[in-house]
Amino acid sequence: IEIRGRVNSGWLHLDVVDNGPGVRPEDQHKIFEPFFTTKPKNQGTGLGLAICRDILSAMGGSMSYLRNDDDETVFRVELPLAASDQSRAAQV
């Protein structure tokens, strides 16, 4: 797992990357739905990604799934920076 981050135009962009098999194309539109899971019965609730997305949304951000050209699985998190965070990022 690799975490890549950058700050751009008042936003924090974080990519959580791995080289796993990714999400099947037929499931990609459902992965953020509550109770959707690809795990066997009684081995998962299907709430993890839905809860993460809802928390980020409540903070004014977002979470998305990407599959890039390098066959990496990427979950992208984007969050707005507070005014004080923006000034700190400009100093770096």
N, C-alpha and C. Protein backbone atom coordinates (compact mmCIF):
# COMPACT_ATOMS: atom_id res chain seq x y z
N ILE A 1 0.85 -1.18 0.00
CA ILE A 1 0.00 0.00 0.00
C ILE A 1 0.89 1.23 0.00
N GLU A 2 0.49 2.20 -0.78
CA GLU A 2 1.22 3.46 -0.86
C GLU A 2 0.21 4.60 -0.72
N ILE A 3 0.59 5.65 -0.03
CA ILE A 3 -0.26 6.83 0.09
C ILE A 3 0.47 7.98 -0.58
N ARG A 4 -0.21 8.59 -1.53
CA ARG A 4 0.34 9.74 -2.26
C ARG A 4 -0.51 10.95 -1.92
N GLY A 5 0.12 12.06 -1.60
CA GLY A 5 -0.63 13.25 -1.23
C GLY A 5 -0.11 14.49 -1.92
N ARG A 6 -1.01 15.44 -2.09
CA ARG A 6 -0.63 16.74 -2.63
C ARG A 6 -1.69 17.76 -2.21
N VAL A 7 -1.28 19.01 -2.22
CA VAL A 7 -2.18 20.11 -1.93
C VAL A 7 -2.27 20.96 -3.19
N ASN A 8 -3.50 21.31 -3.58
CA ASN A 8 -3.70 22.08 -4.79
C ASN A 8 -4.96 22.92 -4.66
N SER A 9 -4.83 24.21 -4.83
CA SER A 9 -5.97 25.15 -4.85
C SER A 9 -6.89 24.98 -3.65
N GLY A 10 -6.30 24.86 -2.46
CA GLY A 10 -7.10 24.78 -1.25
C GLY A 10 -7.68 23.42 -0.94
N TRP A 11 -7.18 22.40 -1.63
CA TRP A 11 -7.67 21.04 -1.41
C TRP A 11 -6.51 20.11 -1.10
N LEU A 12 -6.77 19.15 -0.22
CA LEU A 12 -5.85 18.06 0.05
C LEU A 12 -6.31 16.87 -0.77
N HIS A 13 -5.43 16.32 -1.57
CA HIS A 13 -5.73 15.15 -2.41
C HIS A 13 -4.86 13.99 -1.92
N LEU A 14 -5.49 12.93 -1.47
CA LEU A 14 -4.78 11.74 -1.02
C LEU A 14 -5.20 10.55 -1.87
N ASP A 15 -4.23 9.83 -2.38
CA ASP A 15 -4.50 8.59 -3.10
C ASP A 15 -3.96 7.43 -2.27
N VAL A 16 -4.81 6.47 -1.98
CA VAL A 16 -4.40 5.24 -1.32
C VAL A 16 -4.31 4.20 -2.44
N VAL A 17 -3.10 3.68 -2.67
CA VAL A 17 -2.81 2.88 -3.86
C VAL A 17 -2.31 1.50 -3.47
N ASP A 18 -2.77 0.48 -4.18
CA ASP A 18 -2.16 -0.84 -4.06
C ASP A 18 -2.17 -1.52 -5.42
N ASN A 19 -1.54 -2.66 -5.50
CA ASN A 19 -1.47 -3.37 -6.78
C ASN A 19 -2.38 -4.59 -6.78
N GLY A 20 -3.43 -4.54 -5.97
CA GLY A 20 -4.38 -5.65 -5.90
C GLY A 20 -5.22 -5.76 -7.15
N PRO A 21 -6.14 -6.71 -7.15
CA PRO A 21 -6.93 -6.99 -8.35
C PRO A 21 -7.96 -5.91 -8.68
N GLY A 22 -8.21 -5.00 -7.76
CA GLY A 22 -9.19 -3.95 -8.03
C GLY A 22 -10.61 -4.44 -7.83
N VAL A 23 -11.53 -3.63 -8.26
CA VAL A 23 -12.95 -3.92 -8.12
C VAL A 23 -13.47 -4.35 -9.49
N ARG A 24 -14.23 -5.41 -9.50
CA ARG A 24 -14.78 -5.88 -10.78
C ARG A 24 -15.60 -4.77 -11.43
N PRO A 25 -15.50 -4.62 -12.74
CA PRO A 25 -16.23 -3.54 -13.43
C PRO A 25 -17.73 -3.53 -13.11
N GLU A 26 -18.32 -4.69 -13.00
CA GLU A 26 -19.77 -4.75 -12.73
C GLU A 26 -20.12 -4.32 -11.30
N ASP A 27 -19.13 -4.24 -10.42
CA ASP A 27 -19.38 -3.83 -9.03
C ASP A 27 -18.99 -2.38 -8.76
N GLN A 28 -18.27 -1.75 -9.66
CA GLN A 28 -17.72 -0.43 -9.38
C GLN A 28 -18.78 0.61 -9.05
N HIS A 29 -19.93 0.55 -9.66
CA HIS A 29 -20.98 1.55 -9.38
C HIS A 29 -21.69 1.30 -8.05
N LYS A 30 -21.42 0.16 -7.40
CA LYS A 30 -22.12 -0.18 -6.15
C LYS A 30 -21.25 -0.13 -4.90
N ILE A 31 -19.93 0.05 -5.04
CA ILE A 31 -19.05 -0.17 -3.90
C ILE A 31 -19.26 0.80 -2.75
N PHE A 32 -19.85 1.96 -2.99
CA PHE A 32 -20.09 2.92 -1.92
C PHE A 32 -21.51 2.83 -1.36
N GLU A 33 -22.30 1.88 -1.84
CA GLU A 33 -23.65 1.69 -1.32
C GLU A 33 -23.60 0.94 0.01
N PRO A 34 -24.39 1.39 1.00
CA PRO A 34 -24.43 0.67 2.28
C PRO A 34 -24.87 -0.79 2.07
N PHE A 35 -24.20 -1.67 2.75
CA PHE A 35 -24.49 -3.11 2.79
C PHE A 35 -24.08 -3.87 1.53
N PHE A 36 -23.44 -3.19 0.56
CA PHE A 36 -22.91 -3.93 -0.59
C PHE A 36 -21.57 -4.53 -0.18
N THR A 37 -21.41 -5.81 -0.40
CA THR A 37 -20.15 -6.48 -0.13
C THR A 37 -19.90 -7.58 -1.15
N THR A 38 -18.65 -7.87 -1.39
CA THR A 38 -18.28 -8.98 -2.26
C THR A 38 -17.80 -10.17 -1.43
N LYS A 39 -17.81 -9.99 -0.11
CA LYS A 39 -17.35 -11.05 0.78
C LYS A 39 -18.44 -12.12 0.93
N PRO A 40 -18.02 -13.33 1.31
CA PRO A 40 -19.01 -14.39 1.55
C PRO A 40 -19.98 -14.00 2.68
N LYS A 41 -21.12 -14.64 2.69
CA LYS A 41 -22.14 -14.39 3.71
C LYS A 41 -21.54 -14.51 5.11
N ASN A 42 -21.92 -13.60 5.99
CA ASN A 42 -21.47 -13.54 7.39
C ASN A 42 -20.00 -13.17 7.54
N GLN A 43 -19.38 -12.58 6.52
CA GLN A 43 -17.97 -12.18 6.63
C GLN A 43 -17.76 -10.71 6.30
N GLY A 44 -18.76 -9.92 6.42
CA GLY A 44 -18.62 -8.49 6.17
C GLY A 44 -19.98 -7.84 6.11
N THR A 45 -20.03 -6.58 6.53
CA THR A 45 -21.31 -5.88 6.55
C THR A 45 -21.52 -5.02 5.31
N GLY A 46 -20.44 -4.68 4.61
CA GLY A 46 -20.57 -3.80 3.46
C GLY A 46 -20.80 -2.35 3.87
N LEU A 47 -20.33 -1.98 5.04
CA LEU A 47 -20.52 -0.61 5.50
C LEU A 47 -19.26 0.25 5.45
N GLY A 48 -18.09 -0.35 5.35
CA GLY A 48 -16.84 0.39 5.45
C GLY A 48 -16.71 1.55 4.48
N LEU A 49 -16.83 1.29 3.19
CA LEU A 49 -16.67 2.35 2.20
C LEU A 49 -17.81 3.36 2.27
N ALA A 50 -19.02 2.89 2.56
CA ALA A 50 -20.16 3.80 2.68
C ALA A 50 -19.96 4.77 3.84
N ILE A 51 -19.49 4.27 4.97
CA ILE A 51 -19.25 5.13 6.14
C ILE A 51 -18.12 6.11 5.84
N CYS A 52 -17.04 5.64 5.25
CA CYS A 52 -15.93 6.54 4.90
C CYS A 52 -16.41 7.65 3.97
N ARG A 53 -17.15 7.30 2.96
CA ARG A 53 -17.66 8.30 2.01
C ARG A 53 -18.56 9.31 2.70
N ASP A 54 -19.42 8.85 3.59
CA ASP A 54 -20.34 9.76 4.28
C ASP A 54 -19.60 10.70 5.23
N ILE A 55 -18.58 10.21 5.92
CA ILE A 55 -17.78 11.07 6.80
C ILE A 55 -17.06 12.14 5.98
N LEU A 56 -16.44 11.74 4.89
CA LEU A 56 -15.74 12.70 4.03
C LEU A 56 -16.70 13.71 3.44
N SER A 57 -17.87 13.27 3.04
CA SER A 57 -18.88 14.17 2.49
C SER A 57 -19.32 15.20 3.53
N ALA A 58 -19.50 14.76 4.79
CA ALA A 58 -19.89 15.67 5.86
C ALA A 58 -18.82 16.73 6.11
N MET A 59 -17.57 16.41 5.76
CA MET A 59 -16.46 17.35 5.93
C MET A 59 -16.26 18.21 4.68
N GLY A 60 -17.15 18.07 3.69
CA GLY A 60 -17.04 18.85 2.46
C GLY A 60 -16.15 18.20 1.41
N GLY A 61 -15.78 16.95 1.64
CA GLY A 61 -14.88 16.26 0.72
C GLY A 61 -15.56 15.15 -0.05
N SER A 62 -14.74 14.27 -0.60
CA SER A 62 -15.26 13.16 -1.39
C SER A 62 -14.28 12.00 -1.39
N MET A 63 -14.78 10.86 -1.86
CA MET A 63 -13.97 9.66 -2.01
C MET A 63 -14.39 8.98 -3.30
N SER A 64 -13.42 8.55 -4.10
CA SER A 64 -13.75 7.90 -5.36
C SER A 64 -12.79 6.74 -5.60
N TYR A 65 -13.21 5.87 -6.50
CA TYR A 65 -12.41 4.70 -6.88
C TYR A 65 -11.90 4.92 -8.30
N LEU A 66 -10.61 4.61 -8.51
CA LEU A 66 -10.01 4.72 -9.84
C LEU A 66 -9.20 3.46 -10.11
N ARG A 67 -9.05 3.13 -11.34
CA ARG A 67 -8.11 2.08 -11.76
C ARG A 67 -7.22 2.74 -12.78
N ASN A 68 -5.93 2.90 -12.47
CA ASN A 68 -5.08 3.65 -13.40
C ASN A 68 -4.40 2.73 -14.41
N ASP A 69 -3.66 3.34 -15.32
CA ASP A 69 -3.02 2.60 -16.41
C ASP A 69 -1.92 1.66 -15.95
N ASP A 70 -1.42 1.86 -14.74
CA ASP A 70 -0.36 1.00 -14.21
C ASP A 70 -0.93 -0.21 -13.48
N ASP A 71 -2.20 -0.50 -13.67
CA ASP A 71 -2.90 -1.60 -12.99
C ASP A 71 -2.83 -1.46 -11.48
N GLU A 72 -2.94 -0.24 -11.02
CA GLU A 72 -3.00 0.02 -9.59
C GLU A 72 -4.44 0.32 -9.21
N THR A 73 -4.82 -0.12 -8.03
CA THR A 73 -6.12 0.22 -7.48
C THR A 73 -5.93 1.48 -6.66
N VAL A 74 -6.75 2.49 -6.92
CA VAL A 74 -6.59 3.78 -6.26
C VAL A 74 -7.93 4.23 -5.68
N PHE A 75 -7.92 4.54 -4.38
CA PHE A 75 -9.04 5.24 -3.76
C PHE A 75 -8.56 6.66 -3.52
N ARG A 76 -9.27 7.63 -4.09
CA ARG A 76 -8.88 9.04 -3.97
C ARG A 76 -9.77 9.73 -2.95
N VAL A 77 -9.12 10.40 -2.00
CA VAL A 77 -9.80 11.19 -0.98
C VAL A 77 -9.46 12.65 -1.25
N GLU A 78 -10.48 13.50 -1.28
CA GLU A 78 -10.27 14.92 -1.48
C GLU A 78 -10.98 15.68 -0.36
N LEU A 79 -10.25 16.58 0.29
CA LEU A 79 -10.78 17.36 1.40
C LEU A 79 -10.39 18.82 1.25
N PRO A 80 -11.34 19.73 1.53
CA PRO A 80 -10.98 21.15 1.50
C PRO A 80 -10.11 21.49 2.70
N LEU A 81 -9.14 22.35 2.49
CA LEU A 81 -8.27 22.79 3.58
C LEU A 81 -8.91 23.98 4.28
N ALA A 82 -8.73 24.06 5.59
CA ALA A 82 -9.14 25.23 6.34
C ALA A 82 -8.19 26.37 5.99
N ALA A 83 -8.58 27.60 6.24
CA ALA A 83 -7.76 28.76 5.91
C ALA A 83 -6.37 28.65 6.51
N SER A 84 -6.26 28.21 7.77
CA SER A 84 -4.94 28.10 8.40
C SER A 84 -4.11 26.99 7.76
N ASP A 85 -4.76 25.91 7.32
CA ASP A 85 -4.04 24.83 6.64
C ASP A 85 -3.52 25.31 5.28
N GLN A 86 -4.28 26.17 4.61
CA GLN A 86 -3.86 26.67 3.30
C GLN A 86 -2.62 27.53 3.44
N SER A 87 -2.57 28.37 4.47
CA SER A 87 -1.39 29.21 4.64
C SER A 87 -0.17 28.38 5.00
N ARG A 88 -0.34 27.32 5.80
CA ARG A 88 0.78 26.42 6.12
C ARG A 88 1.27 25.70 4.87
N ALA A 89 0.33 25.24 4.03
CA ALA A 89 0.71 24.53 2.80
C ALA A 89 1.47 25.45 1.86
N ALA A 90 1.13 26.74 1.83
CA ALA A 90 1.81 27.69 0.96
C ALA A 90 3.25 27.92 1.41
N GLN A 91 3.51 27.73 2.70
CA GLN A 91 4.87 27.94 3.23
C GLN A 91 5.80 26.78 2.96
N VAL A 92 5.24 25.61 2.63
CA VAL A 92 6.07 24.41 2.44
C VAL A 92 6.78 24.44 1.12
